[in-house]
C-alpha atoms as a PDB file:
ATOM      1  CA  MET A   1    -105.054 205.703 125.441  1.00  0.00           C
ATOM      2  CA  TYR A   2    -107.251 202.585 125.418  1.00  0.00           C
ATOM      3  CA  ARG A   3    -109.386 201.708 128.422  1.00  0.00           C
ATOM      4  CA  LYS A   4    -107.462 199.042 130.307  1.00  0.00           C
ATOM      5  CA  ALA A   5    -108.086 195.427 129.409  1.00  0.00           C
ATOM      6  CA  LYS A   6    -105.715 192.506 129.658  1.00  0.00           C
ATOM      7  CA  VAL A   7    -103.941 191.956 126.339  1.00  0.00           C
ATOM      8  CA  TYR A   8    -102.700 188.645 124.971  1.00  0.00           C
ATOM      9  CA  ALA A   9    -100.484 188.143 121.928  1.00  0.00           C
ATOM     10  CA  VAL A  10    -100.946 184.778 120.192  1.00  0.00           C
ATOM     11  CA  ILE A  11     -98.107 183.961 117.798  1.00  0.00           C
ATOM     12  CA  LEU A  12     -98.857 181.314 115.184  1.00  0.00           C
ATOM     13  CA  ALA A  13     -95.490 179.579 114.793  1.00  0.00           C
ATOM     14  CA  GLY A  14     -96.726 176.122 113.879  1.00  0.00           C
ATOM     15  CA  GLY A  15     -95.810 176.132 110.189  1.00  0.00           C
ATOM     16  CA  GLN A  16     -93.518 173.389 108.930  1.00  0.00           C
ATOM     17  CA  GLY A  17     -92.279 175.299 105.870  1.00  0.00           C
ATOM     18  CA  SER A  18     -93.690 173.001 103.176  1.00  0.00           C
ATOM     19  CA  ARG A  19     -93.376 175.761 100.546  1.00  0.00           C
ATOM     20  CA  PHE A  20     -90.057 176.936 101.897  1.00  0.00           C
ATOM     21  CA  GLY A  21     -88.092 173.731 101.350  1.00  0.00           C
ATOM     22  CA  ASP A  22     -85.790 173.840 104.382  1.00  0.00           C
ATOM     23  CA  SER A  23     -85.315 171.194 107.086  1.00  0.00           C
ATOM     24  CA  VAL A  24     -85.852 173.857 109.764  1.00  0.00           C
ATOM     25  CA  PRO A  25     -89.165 175.783 109.740  1.00  0.00           C
ATOM     26  CA  LYS A  26     -88.761 179.325 108.450  1.00  0.00           C
ATOM     27  CA  GLN A  27     -89.767 180.993 111.723  1.00  0.00           C
ATOM     28  CA  PHE A  28     -86.621 179.593 113.395  1.00  0.00           C
ATOM     29  CA  LEU A  29     -84.028 180.576 110.771  1.00  0.00           C
ATOM     30  CA  PRO A  30     -81.514 183.360 111.650  1.00  0.00           C
ATOM     31  CA  LEU A  31     -82.222 186.706 110.002  1.00  0.00           C
ATOM     32  CA  ASP A  32     -79.616 189.167 111.292  1.00  0.00           C
ATOM     33  CA  ASP A  33     -76.043 189.449 112.557  1.00  0.00           C
ATOM     34  CA  ASN A  34     -77.187 188.424 116.036  1.00  0.00           C
ATOM     35  CA  ASN A  35     -78.720 185.197 114.672  1.00  0.00           C
ATOM     36  CA  CYS A  36     -82.169 186.348 115.713  1.00  0.00           C
ATOM     37  CA  SER A  37     -84.982 184.375 114.100  1.00  0.00           C
ATOM     38  CA  ALA A  38     -88.375 185.691 113.051  1.00  0.00           C
ATOM     39  CA  LEU A  39     -89.875 184.184 116.198  1.00  0.00           C
ATOM     40  CA  SER A  40     -87.217 185.795 118.376  1.00  0.00           C
ATOM     41  CA  MET A  41     -87.819 189.207 116.797  1.00  0.00           C
ATOM     42  CA  ILE A  42     -91.583 188.878 117.261  1.00  0.00           C
ATOM     43  CA  LEU A  43     -91.230 187.817 120.895  1.00  0.00           C
ATOM     44  CA  THR A  44     -88.938 190.774 121.538  1.00  0.00           C
ATOM     45  CA  SER A  45     -91.452 193.225 120.035  1.00  0.00           C
ATOM     46  CA  PHE A  46     -94.348 191.940 122.141  1.00  0.00           C
ATOM     47  CA  ARG A  47     -92.258 191.744 125.324  1.00  0.00           C
ATOM     48  CA  ARG A  48     -91.234 195.374 124.867  1.00  0.00           C
ATOM     49  CA  SER A  49     -94.836 196.486 124.405  1.00  0.00           C
ATOM     50  CA  ASP A  50     -96.344 198.494 127.243  1.00  0.00           C
ATOM     51  CA  VAL A  51     -99.815 197.097 126.533  1.00  0.00           C
ATOM     52  CA  VAL A  52     -99.218 193.361 126.004  1.00  0.00           C
ATOM     53  CA  ASP A  53     -99.509 191.327 129.224  1.00  0.00           C
ATOM     54  CA  ASN A  54     -99.163 187.701 128.117  1.00  0.00           C
ATOM     55  CA  ILE A  55     -97.684 185.896 125.125  1.00  0.00           C
ATOM     56  CA  ILE A  56     -98.836 182.527 123.769  1.00  0.00           C
ATOM     57  CA  ILE A  57     -96.789 180.728 121.122  1.00  0.00           C
ATOM     58  CA  VAL A  58     -98.551 178.078 119.050  1.00  0.00           C
ATOM     59  CA  CYS A  59     -95.970 175.596 117.777  1.00  0.00           C
ATOM     60  CA  HIS A  60     -95.885 172.207 116.049  1.00  0.00           C
ATOM     61  CA  ASN A  61     -95.204 169.510 118.620  1.00  0.00           C
ATOM     62  CA  ALA A  62     -92.127 168.309 116.689  1.00  0.00           C
ATOM     63  CA  TYR A  63     -90.453 171.691 117.215  1.00  0.00           C
ATOM     64  CA  HIS A  64     -91.486 172.319 120.814  1.00  0.00           C
ATOM     65  CA  ASP A  65     -87.894 172.123 122.097  1.00  0.00           C
ATOM     66  CA  LEU A  66     -86.670 174.548 119.431  1.00  0.00           C
ATOM     67  CA  CYS A  67     -89.472 176.935 120.297  1.00  0.00           C
ATOM     68  CA  GLN A  68     -88.645 176.661 124.007  1.00  0.00           C
ATOM     69  CA  HIS A  69     -85.012 177.486 123.203  1.00  0.00           C
ATOM     70  CA  GLU A  70     -86.121 180.687 121.440  1.00  0.00           C
ATOM     71  CA  VAL A  71     -88.267 181.616 124.433  1.00  0.00           C
ATOM     72  CA  ASN A  72     -85.383 180.982 126.851  1.00  0.00           C
ATOM     73  CA  GLN A  73     -83.012 183.128 124.793  1.00  0.00           C
ATOM     74  CA  VAL A  74     -85.439 186.043 124.730  1.00  0.00           C
ATOM     75  CA  GLN A  75     -86.069 185.727 128.470  1.00  0.00           C
ATOM     76  CA  VAL A  76     -82.319 185.906 129.155  1.00  0.00           C
ATOM     77  CA  TYR A  77     -81.664 188.995 127.045  1.00  0.00           C
ATOM     78  CA  GLN A  78     -84.863 190.982 127.553  1.00  0.00           C
ATOM     79  CA  TYR A  79     -85.657 192.866 130.738  1.00  0.00           C
ATOM     80  CA  SER A  80     -89.417 192.413 130.609  1.00  0.00           C
ATOM     81  CA  LYS A  81     -90.782 189.482 132.624  1.00  0.00           C
ATOM     82  CA  LYS A  82     -93.990 188.558 130.853  1.00  0.00           C
ATOM     83  CA  PRO A  83     -95.550 185.084 130.919  1.00  0.00           C
ATOM     84  CA  MET A  84     -94.834 183.161 127.713  1.00  0.00           C
ATOM     85  CA  ASP A  85     -96.659 179.874 127.175  1.00  0.00           C
ATOM     86  CA  ILE A  86     -96.197 177.326 124.389  1.00  0.00           C
ATOM     87  CA  VAL A  87     -99.148 175.291 123.111  1.00  0.00           C
ATOM     88  CA  ASN A  88     -99.307 172.655 120.383  1.00  0.00           C
ATOM     89  CA  GLY A  89    -100.721 173.677 117.036  1.00  0.00           C
ATOM     90  CA  GLY A  90    -103.583 172.043 115.159  1.00  0.00           C
ATOM     91  CA  LYS A  91    -103.908 170.533 111.711  1.00  0.00           C
ATOM     92  CA  THR A  92    -104.926 173.891 110.186  1.00  0.00           C
ATOM     93  CA  ARG A  93    -104.165 177.531 110.906  1.00  0.00           C
ATOM     94  CA  GLN A  94    -107.675 177.977 112.245  1.00  0.00           C
ATOM     95  CA  GLN A  95    -107.296 175.073 114.676  1.00  0.00           C
ATOM     96  CA  SER A  96    -103.932 176.456 115.798  1.00  0.00           C
ATOM     97  CA  THR A  97    -105.509 179.822 116.576  1.00  0.00           C
ATOM     98  CA  TYR A  98    -108.235 178.081 118.557  1.00  0.00           C
ATOM     99  CA  ASN A  99    -105.668 176.125 120.564  1.00  0.00           C
ATOM    100  CA  GLY A 100    -103.998 179.417 121.431  1.00  0.00           C
ATOM    101  CA  ILE A 101    -107.080 181.360 122.501  1.00  0.00           C
ATOM    102  CA  LYS A 102    -108.336 178.418 124.599  1.00  0.00           C
ATOM    103  CA  LEU A 103    -105.595 179.322 127.095  1.00  0.00           C
ATOM    104  CA  ILE A 104    -107.181 182.742 127.663  1.00  0.00           C
ATOM    105  CA  ASP A 105    -109.630 182.624 130.571  1.00  0.00           C
ATOM    106  CA  ASP A 106    -110.623 186.300 130.454  1.00  0.00           C
ATOM    107  CA  PRO A 107    -113.499 186.898 127.981  1.00  0.00           C
ATOM    108  CA  ASN A 108    -112.967 190.662 128.239  1.00  0.00           C
ATOM    109  CA  ALA A 109    -109.339 190.473 127.146  1.00  0.00           C
ATOM    110  CA  ILE A 110    -108.002 191.802 123.872  1.00  0.00           C
ATOM    111  CA  VAL A 111    -106.160 189.224 121.764  1.00  0.00           C
ATOM    112  CA  LEU A 112    -103.649 189.915 119.009  1.00  0.00           C
ATOM    113  CA  ILE A 113    -103.174 187.120 116.442  1.00  0.00           C
ATOM    114  CA  HIS A 114     -99.814 187.315 114.679  1.00  0.00           C
ATOM    115  CA  ASP A 115     -98.219 185.269 111.913  1.00  0.00           C
ATOM    116  CA  GLY A 116     -94.913 183.778 113.064  1.00  0.00           C
ATOM    117  CA  ALA A 117     -93.453 184.288 109.587  1.00  0.00           C
ATOM    118  CA  ARG A 118     -93.768 188.099 109.814  1.00  0.00           C
ATOM    119  CA  PRO A 119     -90.793 189.272 111.906  1.00  0.00           C
ATOM    120  CA  PHE A 120     -91.562 193.014 111.946  1.00  0.00           C
ATOM    121  CA  VAL A 121     -94.228 194.490 114.210  1.00  0.00           C
ATOM    122  CA  SER A 122     -93.931 197.992 115.625  1.00  0.00           C
ATOM    123  CA  GLN A 123     -94.950 199.293 119.036  1.00  0.00           C
ATOM    124  CA  GLU A 124     -97.151 201.923 117.392  1.00  0.00           C
ATOM    125  CA  VAL A 125     -99.106 199.326 115.422  1.00  0.00           C
ATOM    126  CA  ILE A 126     -99.562 197.128 118.511  1.00  0.00           C
ATOM    127  CA  LEU A 127    -100.984 200.045 120.509  1.00  0.00           C
ATOM    128  CA  GLN A 128    -103.266 201.223 117.695  1.00  0.00           C
ATOM    129  CA  LEU A 129    -104.643 197.710 117.181  1.00  0.00           C
ATOM    130  CA  VAL A 130    -105.403 197.284 120.885  1.00  0.00           C
ATOM    131  CA  GLU A 131    -107.149 200.656 121.056  1.00  0.00           C
ATOM    132  CA  LYS A 132    -109.269 199.911 117.982  1.00  0.00           C
ATOM    133  CA  ALA A 133    -110.132 196.382 119.117  1.00  0.00           C
ATOM    134  CA  PHE A 134    -111.453 197.748 122.389  1.00  0.00           C
ATOM    135  CA  ASP A 135    -113.725 200.149 120.517  1.00  0.00           C
ATOM    136  CA  TYR A 136    -114.730 198.029 117.494  1.00  0.00           C
ATOM    137  CA  GLY A 137    -114.287 194.392 118.531  1.00  0.00           C
ATOM    138  CA  ALA A 138    -112.366 193.209 115.467  1.00  0.00           C
ATOM    139  CA  VAL A 139    -109.561 194.917 113.544  1.00  0.00           C
ATOM    140  CA  ASN A 140    -107.780 193.877 110.365  1.00  0.00           C
ATOM    141  CA  LEU A 141    -104.341 195.406 109.768  1.00  0.00           C
ATOM    142  CA  VAL A 142    -104.033 196.266 106.075  1.00  0.00           C
ATOM    143  CA  SER A 143    -101.849 198.194 103.659  1.00  0.00           C
ATOM    144  CA  PRO A 144    -102.872 199.739 100.335  1.00  0.00           C
ATOM    145  CA  SER A 145    -102.527 197.565  97.266  1.00  0.00           C
ATOM    146  CA  VAL A 146    -100.033 199.267  94.944  1.00  0.00           C
ATOM    147  CA  ASP A 147     -99.818 196.588  92.250  1.00  0.00           C
ATOM    148  CA  THR A 148    -102.182 196.011  89.346  1.00  0.00           C
ATOM    149  CA  MET A 149    -104.380 193.067  90.358  1.00  0.00           C
ATOM    150  CA  VAL A 150    -105.152 190.630  87.549  1.00  0.00           C
ATOM    151  CA  SER A 151    -108.016 188.136  87.862  1.00  0.00           C
ATOM    152  CA  SER A 152    -107.895 184.697  86.223  1.00  0.00           C
ATOM    153  CA  SER A 153    -109.799 181.472  86.766  1.00  0.00           C
ATOM    154  CA  ASP A 154    -107.057 179.147  85.529  1.00  0.00           C
ATOM    155  CA  GLY A 155    -103.748 181.025  85.654  1.00  0.00           C
ATOM    156  CA  GLN A 156    -103.591 180.941  81.865  1.00  0.00           C
ATOM    157  CA  LEU A 157    -106.005 183.595  80.596  1.00  0.00           C
ATOM    158  CA  MET A 158    -106.786 187.003  82.058  1.00  0.00           C
ATOM    159  CA  LEU A 159    -110.379 187.698  83.019  1.00  0.00           C
ATOM    160  CA  GLY A 160    -109.910 191.329  83.960  1.00  0.00           C
ATOM    161  CA  ILE A 161    -108.272 193.919  86.181  1.00  0.00           C
ATOM    162  CA  ALA A 162    -109.646 194.482  89.681  1.00  0.00           C
ATOM    163  CA  ASP A 163    -110.119 198.003  91.047  1.00  0.00           C
ATOM    164  CA  ARG A 164    -107.216 198.242  93.465  1.00  0.00           C
ATOM    165  CA  ARG A 165    -108.874 201.165  95.257  1.00  0.00           C
ATOM    166  CA  GLN A 166    -111.124 198.518  96.807  1.00  0.00           C
ATOM    167  CA  LEU A 167    -108.309 196.055  97.537  1.00  0.00           C
ATOM    168  CA  TRP A 168    -106.033 195.978 100.564  1.00  0.00           C
ATOM    169  CA  ARG A 169    -103.194 193.664 101.555  1.00  0.00           C
ATOM    170  CA  GLY A 170    -104.115 191.752 104.703  1.00  0.00           C
ATOM    171  CA  LEU A 171    -101.346 191.772 107.330  1.00  0.00           C
ATOM    172  CA  THR A 172    -100.925 190.752 110.939  1.00  0.00           C
ATOM    173  CA  PRO A 173    -101.369 191.232 113.827  1.00  0.00           C
ATOM    174  CA  GLN A 174    -105.129 191.178 113.771  1.00  0.00           C
ATOM    175  CA  ALA A 175    -106.888 192.222 116.982  1.00  0.00           C
ATOM    176  CA  PHE A 176    -110.135 191.133 118.647  1.00  0.00           C
ATOM    177  CA  ARG A 177    -112.151 191.136 121.794  1.00  0.00           C
ATOM    178  CA  CYS A 178    -111.478 187.625 123.014  1.00  0.00           C
ATOM    179  CA  ASN A 179    -115.134 186.718 123.595  1.00  0.00           C
ATOM    180  CA  LEU A 180    -115.999 187.707 120.013  1.00  0.00           C
ATOM    181  CA  LEU A 181    -113.191 185.675 118.444  1.00  0.00           C
ATOM    182  CA  THR A 182    -113.878 182.669 120.664  1.00  0.00           C
ATOM    183  CA  HIS A 183    -117.585 182.793 119.754  1.00  0.00           C
ATOM    184  CA  ALA A 184    -116.745 182.824 116.026  1.00  0.00           C
ATOM    185  CA  HIS A 185    -114.453 179.817 116.441  1.00  0.00           C
ATOM    186  CA  HIS A 186    -117.084 177.901 118.425  1.00  0.00           C
ATOM    187  CA  LEU A 187    -119.673 178.459 115.686  1.00  0.00           C
ATOM    188  CA  ALA A 188    -117.213 177.452 112.972  1.00  0.00           C
ATOM    189  CA  ASN A 189    -116.321 174.265 114.860  1.00  0.00           C
ATOM    190  CA  LYS A 190    -120.007 173.343 115.120  1.00  0.00           C
ATOM    191  CA  GLN A 191    -120.225 173.606 111.332  1.00  0.00           C
ATOM    192  CA  GLN A 192    -117.060 171.496 110.882  1.00  0.00           C
ATOM    193  CA  ASP A 193    -115.523 174.553 109.215  1.00  0.00           C
ATOM    194  CA  HIS A 194    -111.790 174.330 110.019  1.00  0.00           C
ATOM    195  CA  ASN A 195    -109.932 175.895 107.090  1.00  0.00           C
ATOM    196  CA  ALA A 196    -110.205 179.662 107.481  1.00  0.00           C
ATOM    197  CA  THR A 197    -106.857 181.347 106.846  1.00  0.00           C
ATOM    198  CA  CYS A 198    -107.919 184.678 108.347  1.00  0.00           C
ATOM    199  CA  ASP A 199    -109.554 185.198 111.735  1.00  0.00           C
ATOM    200  CA  CYS A 200    -111.212 188.419 110.569  1.00  0.00           C
ATOM    201  CA  SER A 201    -113.002 186.463 107.852  1.00  0.00           C
ATOM    202  CA  LEU A 202    -114.162 183.986 110.494  1.00  0.00           C
ATOM    203  CA  VAL A 203    -115.602 186.773 112.664  1.00  0.00           C
ATOM    204  CA  GLN A 204    -117.254 188.319 109.630  1.00  0.00           C
ATOM    205  CA  LYS A 205    -118.771 184.978 108.547  1.00  0.00           C
ATOM    206  CA  TYR A 206    -120.136 183.791 111.891  1.00  0.00           C
ATOM    207  CA  THR A 207    -121.035 186.981 113.768  1.00  0.00           C
ATOM    208  CA  ASN A 208    -122.755 190.244 112.948  1.00  0.00           C
ATOM    209  CA  GLN A 209    -119.711 192.202 114.055  1.00  0.00           C
ATOM    210  CA  PRO A 210    -118.240 194.544 111.405  1.00  0.00           C
ATOM    211  CA  VAL A 211    -114.454 194.304 111.038  1.00  0.00           C
ATOM    212  CA  SER A 212    -112.640 197.624 111.257  1.00  0.00           C
ATOM    213  CA  LEU A 213    -109.511 198.357 109.219  1.00  0.00           C
ATOM    214  CA  LEU A 214    -106.250 199.805 110.494  1.00  0.00           C
ATOM    215  CA  VAL A 215    -104.296 201.096 107.513  1.00  0.00           C
ATOM    216  CA  THR A 216    -100.512 201.072 107.730  1.00  0.00           C
ATOM    217  CA  ASN A 217     -97.657 201.809 105.371  1.00  0.00           C
ATOM    218  CA  GLU A 218     -95.123 199.971 107.514  1.00  0.00           C
ATOM    219  CA  LEU A 219     -93.208 197.111 105.931  1.00  0.00           C
ATOM    220  CA  SER A 220     -94.493 193.714 107.011  1.00  0.00           C
ATOM    221  CA  PRO A 221     -92.883 191.123 104.725  1.00  0.00           C
ATOM    222  CA  LYS A 222     -93.770 187.474 105.205  1.00  0.00           C
ATOM    223  CA  ILE A 223     -91.302 184.614 104.873  1.00  0.00           C
ATOM    224  CA  THR A 224     -92.801 182.245 102.310  1.00  0.00           C
ATOM    225  CA  TYR A 225     -90.007 181.404  99.883  1.00  0.00           C
ATOM    226  CA  PRO A 226     -86.188 181.304 100.270  1.00  0.00           C
ATOM    227  CA  HIS A 227     -85.684 184.674  98.550  1.00  0.00           C
ATOM    228  CA  ASP A 228     -87.851 186.293 101.248  1.00  0.00           C
ATOM    229  CA  ILE A 229     -85.099 185.512 103.766  1.00  0.00           C
ATOM    230  CA  GLU A 230     -82.603 187.611 101.794  1.00  0.00           C
ATOM    231  CA  LEU A 231     -85.027 190.528 101.604  1.00  0.00           C
ATOM    232  CA  ILE A 232     -85.660 190.460 105.343  1.00  0.00           C
ATOM    233  CA  LYS A 233     -81.937 190.147 106.110  1.00  0.00           C
ATOM    234  CA  ALA A 234     -81.371 193.293 104.042  1.00  0.00           C
ATOM    235  CA  LEU A 235     -84.148 195.105 105.918  1.00  0.00           C
ATOM    236  CA  CYS A 236     -82.577 194.032 109.224  1.00  0.00           C
ATOM    237  CA  LEU A 237     -79.248 195.531 108.133  1.00  0.00           C
ATOM    238  CA  ILE A 238     -80.968 198.809 107.285  1.00  0.00           C
ATOM    239  CA  ARG A 239     -82.816 198.762 110.613  1.00  0.00           C
ATOM    240  CA  ASP A 240     -79.623 198.127 112.573  1.00  0.00           C
ATOM    241  CA  ALA A 241     -77.726 200.840 110.688  1.00  0.00           C
ATOM    242  CA  GLN A 242     -80.508 203.347 111.406  1.00  0.00           C
ATOM    243  CA  GLY A 243     -80.456 202.336 115.060  1.00  0.00           C
ATOM    244  CA  GLN A 244     -76.734 202.943 115.302  1.00  0.00           C
ATOM    245  CA  THR A 245     -77.102 206.322 113.585  1.00  0.00           C
ATOM    246  CA  ASN A 246     -79.950 207.378 115.864  1.00  0.00           C
ATOM    247  CA  GLY A 247     -78.021 206.264 118.910  1.00  0.00           C
ATOM    248  CA  SER A 248     -74.814 208.066 117.978  1.00  0.00           C
END
């Protein structure tokens, strides 16, 4: 068991779904028979965690009311009474992360950064990330790359095949000591560097801290395109059927 530190989960739910093509951002769309959205499922997972103390949701200002509705629904139906704060997102993912971690006033805390378009996160993964972050400072959740990876400079001609033994799929949550992540963001801001799409890469670029890997084989699909919704709905049906079987 990890040595006790306060743990914050920061959920990046500020996307507007520009690639998705729907009037409602993808993190708010219903995914199962209970009309639970990706954000609702994520909130439920973190509220059920025995190690997460506080939850911060980073949301686009235009969808603040919709985000608050999701929070209210989870608070009604979940027994756990954890603080859940909503903060406005920034112009980039990196700025949104920074807006979220600015609410954390404990430099010794552990912070989990999670993509609001990834609805599945298990209790086991949350605990393992927190334990590793306490020991190593920065942890990237990854899964093995099973596909052949083709390199190309223009999308027209193949340059070669990468060695997939050295390639891993980057997932979330990622986990950090808060003071380390905050320091990396401060240094990036001083350099006017605002476009990092991965907080582990930011820590690696601006600090001397090695980033540890936590390898998982758990499914962690991300909603990017409309067909991803159908895949995740199917996975929800399988999950619910397994739950009913296990509970019978």
